[in-house]
PDBML (XML) file of the C-alpha atoms, coordinates in Angstrom:
<?xml version="1.0" encoding="UTF-8" ?>
<PDBx:datablock datablockName="MODEL"
   xmlns:PDBx="http://pdbml.pdb.org/schema/pdbx-v50.xsd"
   xmlns:xsi="http://www.w3.org/2001/XMLSchema-instance"
   xsi:schemaLocation="http://pdbml.pdb.org/schema/pdbx-v50.xsd pdbx-v50.xsd">
   <PDBx:atom_siteCategory>
      <PDBx:atom_site id="1">
         <PDBx:B_iso_or_equiv>0.00</PDBx:B_iso_or_equiv>
         <PDBx:Cartn_x>112.410</PDBx:Cartn_x>
         <PDBx:Cartn_y>85.273</PDBx:Cartn_y>
         <PDBx:Cartn_z>96.210</PDBx:Cartn_z>
         <PDBx:auth_asym_id>A</PDBx:auth_asym_id>
         <PDBx:auth_atom_id>CA</PDBx:auth_atom_id>
         <PDBx:auth_comp_id>ALA</PDBx:auth_comp_id>
         <PDBx:auth_seq_id>1</PDBx:auth_seq_id>
         <PDBx:group_PDB>ATOM</PDBx:group_PDB>
         <PDBx:label_alt_id xsi:nil="true" />
         <PDBx:label_asym_id>A</PDBx:label_asym_id>
         <PDBx:label_atom_id>CA</PDBx:label_atom_id>
         <PDBx:label_comp_id>ALA</PDBx:label_comp_id>
         <PDBx:label_entity_id>1</PDBx:label_entity_id>
         <PDBx:label_seq_id>1</PDBx:label_seq_id>
         <PDBx:occupancy>1.00</PDBx:occupancy>
         <PDBx:pdbx_PDB_model_num>1</PDBx:pdbx_PDB_model_num>
         <PDBx:type_symbol>C</PDBx:type_symbol>
      </PDBx:atom_site>
      <PDBx:atom_site id="2">
         <PDBx:B_iso_or_equiv>0.00</PDBx:B_iso_or_equiv>
         <PDBx:Cartn_x>110.305</PDBx:Cartn_x>
         <PDBx:Cartn_y>88.382</PDBx:Cartn_y>
         <PDBx:Cartn_z>96.834</PDBx:Cartn_z>
         <PDBx:auth_asym_id>A</PDBx:auth_asym_id>
         <PDBx:auth_atom_id>CA</PDBx:auth_atom_id>
         <PDBx:auth_comp_id>VAL</PDBx:auth_comp_id>
         <PDBx:auth_seq_id>2</PDBx:auth_seq_id>
         <PDBx:group_PDB>ATOM</PDBx:group_PDB>
         <PDBx:label_alt_id xsi:nil="true" />
         <PDBx:label_asym_id>A</PDBx:label_asym_id>
         <PDBx:label_atom_id>CA</PDBx:label_atom_id>
         <PDBx:label_comp_id>VAL</PDBx:label_comp_id>
         <PDBx:label_entity_id>1</PDBx:label_entity_id>
         <PDBx:label_seq_id>2</PDBx:label_seq_id>
         <PDBx:occupancy>1.00</PDBx:occupancy>
         <PDBx:pdbx_PDB_model_num>1</PDBx:pdbx_PDB_model_num>
         <PDBx:type_symbol>C</PDBx:type_symbol>
      </PDBx:atom_site>
      <PDBx:atom_site id="3">
         <PDBx:B_iso_or_equiv>0.00</PDBx:B_iso_or_equiv>
         <PDBx:Cartn_x>109.594</PDBx:Cartn_x>
         <PDBx:Cartn_y>88.244</PDBx:Cartn_y>
         <PDBx:Cartn_z>100.592</PDBx:Cartn_z>
         <PDBx:auth_asym_id>A</PDBx:auth_asym_id>
         <PDBx:auth_atom_id>CA</PDBx:auth_atom_id>
         <PDBx:auth_comp_id>MET</PDBx:auth_comp_id>
         <PDBx:auth_seq_id>3</PDBx:auth_seq_id>
         <PDBx:group_PDB>ATOM</PDBx:group_PDB>
         <PDBx:label_alt_id xsi:nil="true" />
         <PDBx:label_asym_id>A</PDBx:label_asym_id>
         <PDBx:label_atom_id>CA</PDBx:label_atom_id>
         <PDBx:label_comp_id>MET</PDBx:label_comp_id>
         <PDBx:label_entity_id>1</PDBx:label_entity_id>
         <PDBx:label_seq_id>3</PDBx:label_seq_id>
         <PDBx:occupancy>1.00</PDBx:occupancy>
         <PDBx:pdbx_PDB_model_num>1</PDBx:pdbx_PDB_model_num>
         <PDBx:type_symbol>C</PDBx:type_symbol>
      </PDBx:atom_site>
      <PDBx:atom_site id="4">
         <PDBx:B_iso_or_equiv>0.00</PDBx:B_iso_or_equiv>
         <PDBx:Cartn_x>112.155</PDBx:Cartn_x>
         <PDBx:Cartn_y>87.168</PDBx:Cartn_y>
         <PDBx:Cartn_z>103.170</PDBx:Cartn_z>
         <PDBx:auth_asym_id>A</PDBx:auth_asym_id>
         <PDBx:auth_atom_id>CA</PDBx:auth_atom_id>
         <PDBx:auth_comp_id>VAL</PDBx:auth_comp_id>
         <PDBx:auth_seq_id>4</PDBx:auth_seq_id>
         <PDBx:group_PDB>ATOM</PDBx:group_PDB>
         <PDBx:label_alt_id xsi:nil="true" />
         <PDBx:label_asym_id>A</PDBx:label_asym_id>
         <PDBx:label_atom_id>CA</PDBx:label_atom_id>
         <PDBx:label_comp_id>VAL</PDBx:label_comp_id>
         <PDBx:label_entity_id>1</PDBx:label_entity_id>
         <PDBx:label_seq_id>4</PDBx:label_seq_id>
         <PDBx:occupancy>1.00</PDBx:occupancy>
         <PDBx:pdbx_PDB_model_num>1</PDBx:pdbx_PDB_model_num>
         <PDBx:type_symbol>C</PDBx:type_symbol>
      </PDBx:atom_site>
      <PDBx:atom_site id="5">
         <PDBx:B_iso_or_equiv>0.00</PDBx:B_iso_or_equiv>
         <PDBx:Cartn_x>112.647</PDBx:Cartn_x>
         <PDBx:Cartn_y>87.323</PDBx:Cartn_y>
         <PDBx:Cartn_z>106.922</PDBx:Cartn_z>
         <PDBx:auth_asym_id>A</PDBx:auth_asym_id>
         <PDBx:auth_atom_id>CA</PDBx:auth_atom_id>
         <PDBx:auth_comp_id>ARG</PDBx:auth_comp_id>
         <PDBx:auth_seq_id>5</PDBx:auth_seq_id>
         <PDBx:group_PDB>ATOM</PDBx:group_PDB>
         <PDBx:label_alt_id xsi:nil="true" />
         <PDBx:label_asym_id>A</PDBx:label_asym_id>
         <PDBx:label_atom_id>CA</PDBx:label_atom_id>
         <PDBx:label_comp_id>ARG</PDBx:label_comp_id>
         <PDBx:label_entity_id>1</PDBx:label_entity_id>
         <PDBx:label_seq_id>5</PDBx:label_seq_id>
         <PDBx:occupancy>1.00</PDBx:occupancy>
         <PDBx:pdbx_PDB_model_num>1</PDBx:pdbx_PDB_model_num>
         <PDBx:type_symbol>C</PDBx:type_symbol>
      </PDBx:atom_site>
      <PDBx:atom_site id="6">
         <PDBx:B_iso_or_equiv>0.00</PDBx:B_iso_or_equiv>
         <PDBx:Cartn_x>115.576</PDBx:Cartn_x>
         <PDBx:Cartn_y>86.858</PDBx:Cartn_y>
         <PDBx:Cartn_z>109.247</PDBx:Cartn_z>
         <PDBx:auth_asym_id>A</PDBx:auth_asym_id>
         <PDBx:auth_atom_id>CA</PDBx:auth_atom_id>
         <PDBx:auth_comp_id>SER</PDBx:auth_comp_id>
         <PDBx:auth_seq_id>6</PDBx:auth_seq_id>
         <PDBx:group_PDB>ATOM</PDBx:group_PDB>
         <PDBx:label_alt_id xsi:nil="true" />
         <PDBx:label_asym_id>A</PDBx:label_asym_id>
         <PDBx:label_atom_id>CA</PDBx:label_atom_id>
         <PDBx:label_comp_id>SER</PDBx:label_comp_id>
         <PDBx:label_entity_id>1</PDBx:label_entity_id>
         <PDBx:label_seq_id>6</PDBx:label_seq_id>
         <PDBx:occupancy>1.00</PDBx:occupancy>
         <PDBx:pdbx_PDB_model_num>1</PDBx:pdbx_PDB_model_num>
         <PDBx:type_symbol>C</PDBx:type_symbol>
      </PDBx:atom_site>
      <PDBx:atom_site id="7">
         <PDBx:B_iso_or_equiv>0.00</PDBx:B_iso_or_equiv>
         <PDBx:Cartn_x>114.988</PDBx:Cartn_x>
         <PDBx:Cartn_y>87.341</PDBx:Cartn_y>
         <PDBx:Cartn_z>112.969</PDBx:Cartn_z>
         <PDBx:auth_asym_id>A</PDBx:auth_asym_id>
         <PDBx:auth_atom_id>CA</PDBx:auth_atom_id>
         <PDBx:auth_comp_id>GLY</PDBx:auth_comp_id>
         <PDBx:auth_seq_id>7</PDBx:auth_seq_id>
         <PDBx:group_PDB>ATOM</PDBx:group_PDB>
         <PDBx:label_alt_id xsi:nil="true" />
         <PDBx:label_asym_id>A</PDBx:label_asym_id>
         <PDBx:label_atom_id>CA</PDBx:label_atom_id>
         <PDBx:label_comp_id>GLY</PDBx:label_comp_id>
         <PDBx:label_entity_id>1</PDBx:label_entity_id>
         <PDBx:label_seq_id>7</PDBx:label_seq_id>
         <PDBx:occupancy>1.00</PDBx:occupancy>
         <PDBx:pdbx_PDB_model_num>1</PDBx:pdbx_PDB_model_num>
         <PDBx:type_symbol>C</PDBx:type_symbol>
      </PDBx:atom_site>
      <PDBx:atom_site id="8">
         <PDBx:B_iso_or_equiv>0.00</PDBx:B_iso_or_equiv>
         <PDBx:Cartn_x>113.553</PDBx:Cartn_x>
         <PDBx:Cartn_y>90.822</PDBx:Cartn_y>
         <PDBx:Cartn_z>113.458</PDBx:Cartn_z>
         <PDBx:auth_asym_id>A</PDBx:auth_asym_id>
         <PDBx:auth_atom_id>CA</PDBx:auth_atom_id>
         <PDBx:auth_comp_id>ARG</PDBx:auth_comp_id>
         <PDBx:auth_seq_id>8</PDBx:auth_seq_id>
         <PDBx:group_PDB>ATOM</PDBx:group_PDB>
         <PDBx:label_alt_id xsi:nil="true" />
         <PDBx:label_asym_id>A</PDBx:label_asym_id>
         <PDBx:label_atom_id>CA</PDBx:label_atom_id>
         <PDBx:label_comp_id>ARG</PDBx:label_comp_id>
         <PDBx:label_entity_id>1</PDBx:label_entity_id>
         <PDBx:label_seq_id>8</PDBx:label_seq_id>
         <PDBx:occupancy>1.00</PDBx:occupancy>
         <PDBx:pdbx_PDB_model_num>1</PDBx:pdbx_PDB_model_num>
         <PDBx:type_symbol>C</PDBx:type_symbol>
      </PDBx:atom_site>
      <PDBx:atom_site id="9">
         <PDBx:B_iso_or_equiv>0.00</PDBx:B_iso_or_equiv>
         <PDBx:Cartn_x>114.121</PDBx:Cartn_x>
         <PDBx:Cartn_y>91.932</PDBx:Cartn_y>
         <PDBx:Cartn_z>109.841</PDBx:Cartn_z>
         <PDBx:auth_asym_id>A</PDBx:auth_asym_id>
         <PDBx:auth_atom_id>CA</PDBx:auth_atom_id>
         <PDBx:auth_comp_id>VAL</PDBx:auth_comp_id>
         <PDBx:auth_seq_id>9</PDBx:auth_seq_id>
         <PDBx:group_PDB>ATOM</PDBx:group_PDB>
         <PDBx:label_alt_id xsi:nil="true" />
         <PDBx:label_asym_id>A</PDBx:label_asym_id>
         <PDBx:label_atom_id>CA</PDBx:label_atom_id>
         <PDBx:label_comp_id>VAL</PDBx:label_comp_id>
         <PDBx:label_entity_id>1</PDBx:label_entity_id>
         <PDBx:label_seq_id>9</PDBx:label_seq_id>
         <PDBx:occupancy>1.00</PDBx:occupancy>
         <PDBx:pdbx_PDB_model_num>1</PDBx:pdbx_PDB_model_num>
         <PDBx:type_symbol>C</PDBx:type_symbol>
      </PDBx:atom_site>
      <PDBx:atom_site id="10">
         <PDBx:B_iso_or_equiv>0.00</PDBx:B_iso_or_equiv>
         <PDBx:Cartn_x>111.514</PDBx:Cartn_x>
         <PDBx:Cartn_y>91.431</PDBx:Cartn_y>
         <PDBx:Cartn_z>107.100</PDBx:Cartn_z>
         <PDBx:auth_asym_id>A</PDBx:auth_asym_id>
         <PDBx:auth_atom_id>CA</PDBx:auth_atom_id>
         <PDBx:auth_comp_id>THR</PDBx:auth_comp_id>
         <PDBx:auth_seq_id>10</PDBx:auth_seq_id>
         <PDBx:group_PDB>ATOM</PDBx:group_PDB>
         <PDBx:label_alt_id xsi:nil="true" />
         <PDBx:label_asym_id>A</PDBx:label_asym_id>
         <PDBx:label_atom_id>CA</PDBx:label_atom_id>
         <PDBx:label_comp_id>THR</PDBx:label_comp_id>
         <PDBx:label_entity_id>1</PDBx:label_entity_id>
         <PDBx:label_seq_id>10</PDBx:label_seq_id>
         <PDBx:occupancy>1.00</PDBx:occupancy>
         <PDBx:pdbx_PDB_model_num>1</PDBx:pdbx_PDB_model_num>
         <PDBx:type_symbol>C</PDBx:type_symbol>
      </PDBx:atom_site>
      <PDBx:atom_site id="11">
         <PDBx:B_iso_or_equiv>0.00</PDBx:B_iso_or_equiv>
         <PDBx:Cartn_x>111.764</PDBx:Cartn_x>
         <PDBx:Cartn_y>92.565</PDBx:Cartn_y>
         <PDBx:Cartn_z>103.482</PDBx:Cartn_z>
         <PDBx:auth_asym_id>A</PDBx:auth_asym_id>
         <PDBx:auth_atom_id>CA</PDBx:auth_atom_id>
         <PDBx:auth_comp_id>ALA</PDBx:auth_comp_id>
         <PDBx:auth_seq_id>11</PDBx:auth_seq_id>
         <PDBx:group_PDB>ATOM</PDBx:group_PDB>
         <PDBx:label_alt_id xsi:nil="true" />
         <PDBx:label_asym_id>A</PDBx:label_asym_id>
         <PDBx:label_atom_id>CA</PDBx:label_atom_id>
         <PDBx:label_comp_id>ALA</PDBx:label_comp_id>
         <PDBx:label_entity_id>1</PDBx:label_entity_id>
         <PDBx:label_seq_id>11</PDBx:label_seq_id>
         <PDBx:occupancy>1.00</PDBx:occupancy>
         <PDBx:pdbx_PDB_model_num>1</PDBx:pdbx_PDB_model_num>
         <PDBx:type_symbol>C</PDBx:type_symbol>
      </PDBx:atom_site>
      <PDBx:atom_site id="12">
         <PDBx:B_iso_or_equiv>0.00</PDBx:B_iso_or_equiv>
         <PDBx:Cartn_x>109.269</PDBx:Cartn_x>
         <PDBx:Cartn_y>92.533</PDBx:Cartn_y>
         <PDBx:Cartn_z>100.619</PDBx:Cartn_z>
         <PDBx:auth_asym_id>A</PDBx:auth_asym_id>
         <PDBx:auth_atom_id>CA</PDBx:auth_atom_id>
         <PDBx:auth_comp_id>THR</PDBx:auth_comp_id>
         <PDBx:auth_seq_id>12</PDBx:auth_seq_id>
         <PDBx:group_PDB>ATOM</PDBx:group_PDB>
         <PDBx:label_alt_id xsi:nil="true" />
         <PDBx:label_asym_id>A</PDBx:label_asym_id>
         <PDBx:label_atom_id>CA</PDBx:label_atom_id>
         <PDBx:label_comp_id>THR</PDBx:label_comp_id>
         <PDBx:label_entity_id>1</PDBx:label_entity_id>
         <PDBx:label_seq_id>12</PDBx:label_seq_id>
         <PDBx:occupancy>1.00</PDBx:occupancy>
         <PDBx:pdbx_PDB_model_num>1</PDBx:pdbx_PDB_model_num>
         <PDBx:type_symbol>C</PDBx:type_symbol>
      </PDBx:atom_site>
      <PDBx:atom_site id="13">
         <PDBx:B_iso_or_equiv>0.00</PDBx:B_iso_or_equiv>
         <PDBx:Cartn_x>110.117</PDBx:Cartn_x>
         <PDBx:Cartn_y>93.347</PDBx:Cartn_y>
         <PDBx:Cartn_z>97.011</PDBx:Cartn_z>
         <PDBx:auth_asym_id>A</PDBx:auth_asym_id>
         <PDBx:auth_atom_id>CA</PDBx:auth_atom_id>
         <PDBx:auth_comp_id>ALA</PDBx:auth_comp_id>
         <PDBx:auth_seq_id>13</PDBx:auth_seq_id>
         <PDBx:group_PDB>ATOM</PDBx:group_PDB>
         <PDBx:label_alt_id xsi:nil="true" />
         <PDBx:label_asym_id>A</PDBx:label_asym_id>
         <PDBx:label_atom_id>CA</PDBx:label_atom_id>
         <PDBx:label_comp_id>ALA</PDBx:label_comp_id>
         <PDBx:label_entity_id>1</PDBx:label_entity_id>
         <PDBx:label_seq_id>13</PDBx:label_seq_id>
         <PDBx:occupancy>1.00</PDBx:occupancy>
         <PDBx:pdbx_PDB_model_num>1</PDBx:pdbx_PDB_model_num>
         <PDBx:type_symbol>C</PDBx:type_symbol>
      </PDBx:atom_site>
      <PDBx:atom_site id="14">
         <PDBx:B_iso_or_equiv>0.00</PDBx:B_iso_or_equiv>
         <PDBx:Cartn_x>106.530</PDBx:Cartn_x>
         <PDBx:Cartn_y>94.436</PDBx:Cartn_y>
         <PDBx:Cartn_z>96.350</PDBx:Cartn_z>
         <PDBx:auth_asym_id>A</PDBx:auth_asym_id>
         <PDBx:auth_atom_id>CA</PDBx:auth_atom_id>
         <PDBx:auth_comp_id>PHE</PDBx:auth_comp_id>
         <PDBx:auth_seq_id>14</PDBx:auth_seq_id>
         <PDBx:group_PDB>ATOM</PDBx:group_PDB>
         <PDBx:label_alt_id xsi:nil="true" />
         <PDBx:label_asym_id>A</PDBx:label_asym_id>
         <PDBx:label_atom_id>CA</PDBx:label_atom_id>
         <PDBx:label_comp_id>PHE</PDBx:label_comp_id>
         <PDBx:label_entity_id>1</PDBx:label_entity_id>
         <PDBx:label_seq_id>14</PDBx:label_seq_id>
         <PDBx:occupancy>1.00</PDBx:occupancy>
         <PDBx:pdbx_PDB_model_num>1</PDBx:pdbx_PDB_model_num>
         <PDBx:type_symbol>C</PDBx:type_symbol>
      </PDBx:atom_site>
      <PDBx:atom_site id="15">
         <PDBx:B_iso_or_equiv>0.00</PDBx:B_iso_or_equiv>
         <PDBx:Cartn_x>104.300</PDBx:Cartn_x>
         <PDBx:Cartn_y>97.225</PDBx:Cartn_y>
         <PDBx:Cartn_z>97.731</PDBx:Cartn_z>
         <PDBx:auth_asym_id>A</PDBx:auth_asym_id>
         <PDBx:auth_atom_id>CA</PDBx:auth_atom_id>
         <PDBx:auth_comp_id>HIS</PDBx:auth_comp_id>
         <PDBx:auth_seq_id>15</PDBx:auth_seq_id>
         <PDBx:group_PDB>ATOM</PDBx:group_PDB>
         <PDBx:label_alt_id xsi:nil="true" />
         <PDBx:label_asym_id>A</PDBx:label_asym_id>
         <PDBx:label_atom_id>CA</PDBx:label_atom_id>
         <PDBx:label_comp_id>HIS</PDBx:label_comp_id>
         <PDBx:label_entity_id>1</PDBx:label_entity_id>
         <PDBx:label_seq_id>15</PDBx:label_seq_id>
         <PDBx:occupancy>1.00</PDBx:occupancy>
         <PDBx:pdbx_PDB_model_num>1</PDBx:pdbx_PDB_model_num>
         <PDBx:type_symbol>C</PDBx:type_symbol>
      </PDBx:atom_site>
      <PDBx:atom_site id="16">
         <PDBx:B_iso_or_equiv>0.00</PDBx:B_iso_or_equiv>
         <PDBx:Cartn_x>101.786</PDBx:Cartn_x>
         <PDBx:Cartn_y>95.900</PDBx:Cartn_y>
         <PDBx:Cartn_z>100.306</PDBx:Cartn_z>
         <PDBx:auth_asym_id>A</PDBx:auth_asym_id>
         <PDBx:auth_atom_id>CA</PDBx:auth_atom_id>
         <PDBx:auth_comp_id>PRO</PDBx:auth_comp_id>
         <PDBx:auth_seq_id>16</PDBx:auth_seq_id>
         <PDBx:group_PDB>ATOM</PDBx:group_PDB>
         <PDBx:label_alt_id xsi:nil="true" />
         <PDBx:label_asym_id>A</PDBx:label_asym_id>
         <PDBx:label_atom_id>CA</PDBx:label_atom_id>
         <PDBx:label_comp_id>PRO</PDBx:label_comp_id>
         <PDBx:label_entity_id>1</PDBx:label_entity_id>
         <PDBx:label_seq_id>16</PDBx:label_seq_id>
         <PDBx:occupancy>1.00</PDBx:occupancy>
         <PDBx:pdbx_PDB_model_num>1</PDBx:pdbx_PDB_model_num>
         <PDBx:type_symbol>C</PDBx:type_symbol>
      </PDBx:atom_site>
      <PDBx:atom_site id="17">
         <PDBx:B_iso_or_equiv>0.00</PDBx:B_iso_or_equiv>
         <PDBx:Cartn_x>100.878</PDBx:Cartn_x>
         <PDBx:Cartn_y>99.474</PDBx:Cartn_y>
         <PDBx:Cartn_z>101.211</PDBx:Cartn_z>
         <PDBx:auth_asym_id>A</PDBx:auth_asym_id>
         <PDBx:auth_atom_id>CA</PDBx:auth_atom_id>
         <PDBx:auth_comp_id>GLU</PDBx:auth_comp_id>
         <PDBx:auth_seq_id>17</PDBx:auth_seq_id>
         <PDBx:group_PDB>ATOM</PDBx:group_PDB>
         <PDBx:label_alt_id xsi:nil="true" />
         <PDBx:label_asym_id>A</PDBx:label_asym_id>
         <PDBx:label_atom_id>CA</PDBx:label_atom_id>
         <PDBx:label_comp_id>GLU</PDBx:label_comp_id>
         <PDBx:label_entity_id>1</PDBx:label_entity_id>
         <PDBx:label_seq_id>17</PDBx:label_seq_id>
         <PDBx:occupancy>1.00</PDBx:occupancy>
         <PDBx:pdbx_PDB_model_num>1</PDBx:pdbx_PDB_model_num>
         <PDBx:type_symbol>C</PDBx:type_symbol>
      </PDBx:atom_site>
      <PDBx:atom_site id="18">
         <PDBx:B_iso_or_equiv>0.00</PDBx:B_iso_or_equiv>
         <PDBx:Cartn_x>99.305</PDBx:Cartn_x>
         <PDBx:Cartn_y>100.010</PDBx:Cartn_y>
         <PDBx:Cartn_z>97.757</PDBx:Cartn_z>
         <PDBx:auth_asym_id>A</PDBx:auth_asym_id>
         <PDBx:auth_atom_id>CA</PDBx:auth_atom_id>
         <PDBx:auth_comp_id>LEU</PDBx:auth_comp_id>
         <PDBx:auth_seq_id>18</PDBx:auth_seq_id>
         <PDBx:group_PDB>ATOM</PDBx:group_PDB>
         <PDBx:label_alt_id xsi:nil="true" />
         <PDBx:label_asym_id>A</PDBx:label_asym_id>
         <PDBx:label_atom_id>CA</PDBx:label_atom_id>
         <PDBx:label_comp_id>LEU</PDBx:label_comp_id>
         <PDBx:label_entity_id>1</PDBx:label_entity_id>
         <PDBx:label_seq_id>18</PDBx:label_seq_id>
         <PDBx:occupancy>1.00</PDBx:occupancy>
         <PDBx:pdbx_PDB_model_num>1</PDBx:pdbx_PDB_model_num>
         <PDBx:type_symbol>C</PDBx:type_symbol>
      </PDBx:atom_site>
      <PDBx:atom_site id="19">
         <PDBx:B_iso_or_equiv>0.00</PDBx:B_iso_or_equiv>
         <PDBx:Cartn_x>96.494</PDBx:Cartn_x>
         <PDBx:Cartn_y>97.515</PDBx:Cartn_y>
         <PDBx:Cartn_z>98.346</PDBx:Cartn_z>
         <PDBx:auth_asym_id>A</PDBx:auth_asym_id>
         <PDBx:auth_atom_id>CA</PDBx:auth_atom_id>
         <PDBx:auth_comp_id>THR</PDBx:auth_comp_id>
         <PDBx:auth_seq_id>19</PDBx:auth_seq_id>
         <PDBx:group_PDB>ATOM</PDBx:group_PDB>
         <PDBx:label_alt_id xsi:nil="true" />
         <PDBx:label_asym_id>A</PDBx:label_asym_id>
         <PDBx:label_atom_id>CA</PDBx:label_atom_id>
         <PDBx:label_comp_id>THR</PDBx:label_comp_id>
         <PDBx:label_entity_id>1</PDBx:label_entity_id>
         <PDBx:label_seq_id>19</PDBx:label_seq_id>
         <PDBx:occupancy>1.00</PDBx:occupancy>
         <PDBx:pdbx_PDB_model_num>1</PDBx:pdbx_PDB_model_num>
         <PDBx:type_symbol>C</PDBx:type_symbol>
      </PDBx:atom_site>
      <PDBx:atom_site id="20">
         <PDBx:B_iso_or_equiv>0.00</PDBx:B_iso_or_equiv>
         <PDBx:Cartn_x>93.616</PDBx:Cartn_x>
         <PDBx:Cartn_y>97.655</PDBx:Cartn_y>
         <PDBx:Cartn_z>100.857</PDBx:Cartn_z>
         <PDBx:auth_asym_id>A</PDBx:auth_asym_id>
         <PDBx:auth_atom_id>CA</PDBx:auth_atom_id>
         <PDBx:auth_comp_id>PRO</PDBx:auth_comp_id>
         <PDBx:auth_seq_id>20</PDBx:auth_seq_id>
         <PDBx:group_PDB>ATOM</PDBx:group_PDB>
         <PDBx:label_alt_id xsi:nil="true" />
         <PDBx:label_asym_id>A</PDBx:label_asym_id>
         <PDBx:label_atom_id>CA</PDBx:label_atom_id>
         <PDBx:label_comp_id>PRO</PDBx:label_comp_id>
         <PDBx:label_entity_id>1</PDBx:label_entity_id>
         <PDBx:label_seq_id>20</PDBx:label_seq_id>
         <PDBx:occupancy>1.00</PDBx:occupancy>
         <PDBx:pdbx_PDB_model_num>1</PDBx:pdbx_PDB_model_num>
         <PDBx:type_symbol>C</PDBx:type_symbol>
      </PDBx:atom_site>
      <PDBx:atom_site id="21">
         <PDBx:B_iso_or_equiv>0.00</PDBx:B_iso_or_equiv>
         <PDBx:Cartn_x>94.699</PDBx:Cartn_x>
         <PDBx:Cartn_y>94.233</PDBx:Cartn_y>
         <PDBx:Cartn_z>102.161</PDBx:Cartn_z>
         <PDBx:auth_asym_id>A</PDBx:auth_asym_id>
         <PDBx:auth_atom_id>CA</PDBx:auth_atom_id>
         <PDBx:auth_comp_id>ASP</PDBx:auth_comp_id>
         <PDBx:auth_seq_id>21</PDBx:auth_seq_id>
         <PDBx:group_PDB>ATOM</PDBx:group_PDB>
         <PDBx:label_alt_id xsi:nil="true" />
         <PDBx:label_asym_id>A</PDBx:label_asym_id>
         <PDBx:label_atom_id>CA</PDBx:label_atom_id>
         <PDBx:label_comp_id>ASP</PDBx:label_comp_id>
         <PDBx:label_entity_id>1</PDBx:label_entity_id>
         <PDBx:label_seq_id>21</PDBx:label_seq_id>
         <PDBx:occupancy>1.00</PDBx:occupancy>
         <PDBx:pdbx_PDB_model_num>1</PDBx:pdbx_PDB_model_num>
         <PDBx:type_symbol>C</PDBx:type_symbol>
      </PDBx:atom_site>
      <PDBx:atom_site id="22">
         <PDBx:B_iso_or_equiv>0.00</PDBx:B_iso_or_equiv>
         <PDBx:Cartn_x>96.284</PDBx:Cartn_x>
         <PDBx:Cartn_y>94.931</PDBx:Cartn_y>
         <PDBx:Cartn_z>105.572</PDBx:Cartn_z>
         <PDBx:auth_asym_id>A</PDBx:auth_asym_id>
         <PDBx:auth_atom_id>CA</PDBx:auth_atom_id>
         <PDBx:auth_comp_id>VAL</PDBx:auth_comp_id>
         <PDBx:auth_seq_id>22</PDBx:auth_seq_id>
         <PDBx:group_PDB>ATOM</PDBx:group_PDB>
         <PDBx:label_alt_id xsi:nil="true" />
         <PDBx:label_asym_id>A</PDBx:label_asym_id>
         <PDBx:label_atom_id>CA</PDBx:label_atom_id>
         <PDBx:label_comp_id>VAL</PDBx:label_comp_id>
         <PDBx:label_entity_id>1</PDBx:label_entity_id>
         <PDBx:label_seq_id>22</PDBx:label_seq_id>
         <PDBx:occupancy>1.00</PDBx:occupancy>
         <PDBx:pdbx_PDB_model_num>1</PDBx:pdbx_PDB_model_num>
         <PDBx:type_symbol>C</PDBx:type_symbol>
      </PDBx:atom_site>
      <PDBx:atom_site id="23">
         <PDBx:B_iso_or_equiv>0.00</PDBx:B_iso_or_equiv>
         <PDBx:Cartn_x>97.258</PDBx:Cartn_x>
         <PDBx:Cartn_y>91.358</PDBx:Cartn_y>
         <PDBx:Cartn_z>106.472</PDBx:Cartn_z>
         <PDBx:auth_asym_id>A</PDBx:auth_asym_id>
         <PDBx:auth_atom_id>CA</PDBx:auth_atom_id>
         <PDBx:auth_comp_id>ARG</PDBx:auth_comp_id>
         <PDBx:auth_seq_id>23</PDBx:auth_seq_id>
         <PDBx:group_PDB>ATOM</PDBx:group_PDB>
         <PDBx:label_alt_id xsi:nil="true" />
         <PDBx:label_asym_id>A</PDBx:label_asym_id>
         <PDBx:label_atom_id>CA</PDBx:label_atom_id>
         <PDBx:label_comp_id>ARG</PDBx:label_comp_id>
         <PDBx:label_entity_id>1</PDBx:label_entity_id>
         <PDBx:label_seq_id>23</PDBx:label_seq_id>
         <PDBx:occupancy>1.00</PDBx:occupancy>
         <PDBx:pdbx_PDB_model_num>1</PDBx:pdbx_PDB_model_num>
         <PDBx:type_symbol>C</PDBx:type_symbol>
      </PDBx:atom_site>
      <PDBx:atom_site id="24">
         <PDBx:B_iso_or_equiv>0.00</PDBx:B_iso_or_equiv>
         <PDBx:Cartn_x>101.006</PDBx:Cartn_x>
         <PDBx:Cartn_y>91.908</PDBx:Cartn_y>
         <PDBx:Cartn_z>106.087</PDBx:Cartn_z>
         <PDBx:auth_asym_id>A</PDBx:auth_asym_id>
         <PDBx:auth_atom_id>CA</PDBx:auth_atom_id>
         <PDBx:auth_comp_id>LEU</PDBx:auth_comp_id>
         <PDBx:auth_seq_id>24</PDBx:auth_seq_id>
         <PDBx:group_PDB>ATOM</PDBx:group_PDB>
         <PDBx:label_alt_id xsi:nil="true" />
         <PDBx:label_asym_id>A</PDBx:label_asym_id>
         <PDBx:label_atom_id>CA</PDBx:label_atom_id>
         <PDBx:label_comp_id>LEU</PDBx:label_comp_id>
         <PDBx:label_entity_id>1</PDBx:label_entity_id>
         <PDBx:label_seq_id>24</PDBx:label_seq_id>
         <PDBx:occupancy>1.00</PDBx:occupancy>
         <PDBx:pdbx_PDB_model_num>1</PDBx:pdbx_PDB_model_num>
         <PDBx:type_symbol>C</PDBx:type_symbol>
      </PDBx:atom_site>
   </PDBx:atom_siteCategory>
</PDBx:datablock>
């Protein structure tokens, strides 16, 4: 598992900020 969410807490193991894709 590399992206999880519980209520108001989300966590990603990867770096979405290092890509131009802003969907997350």
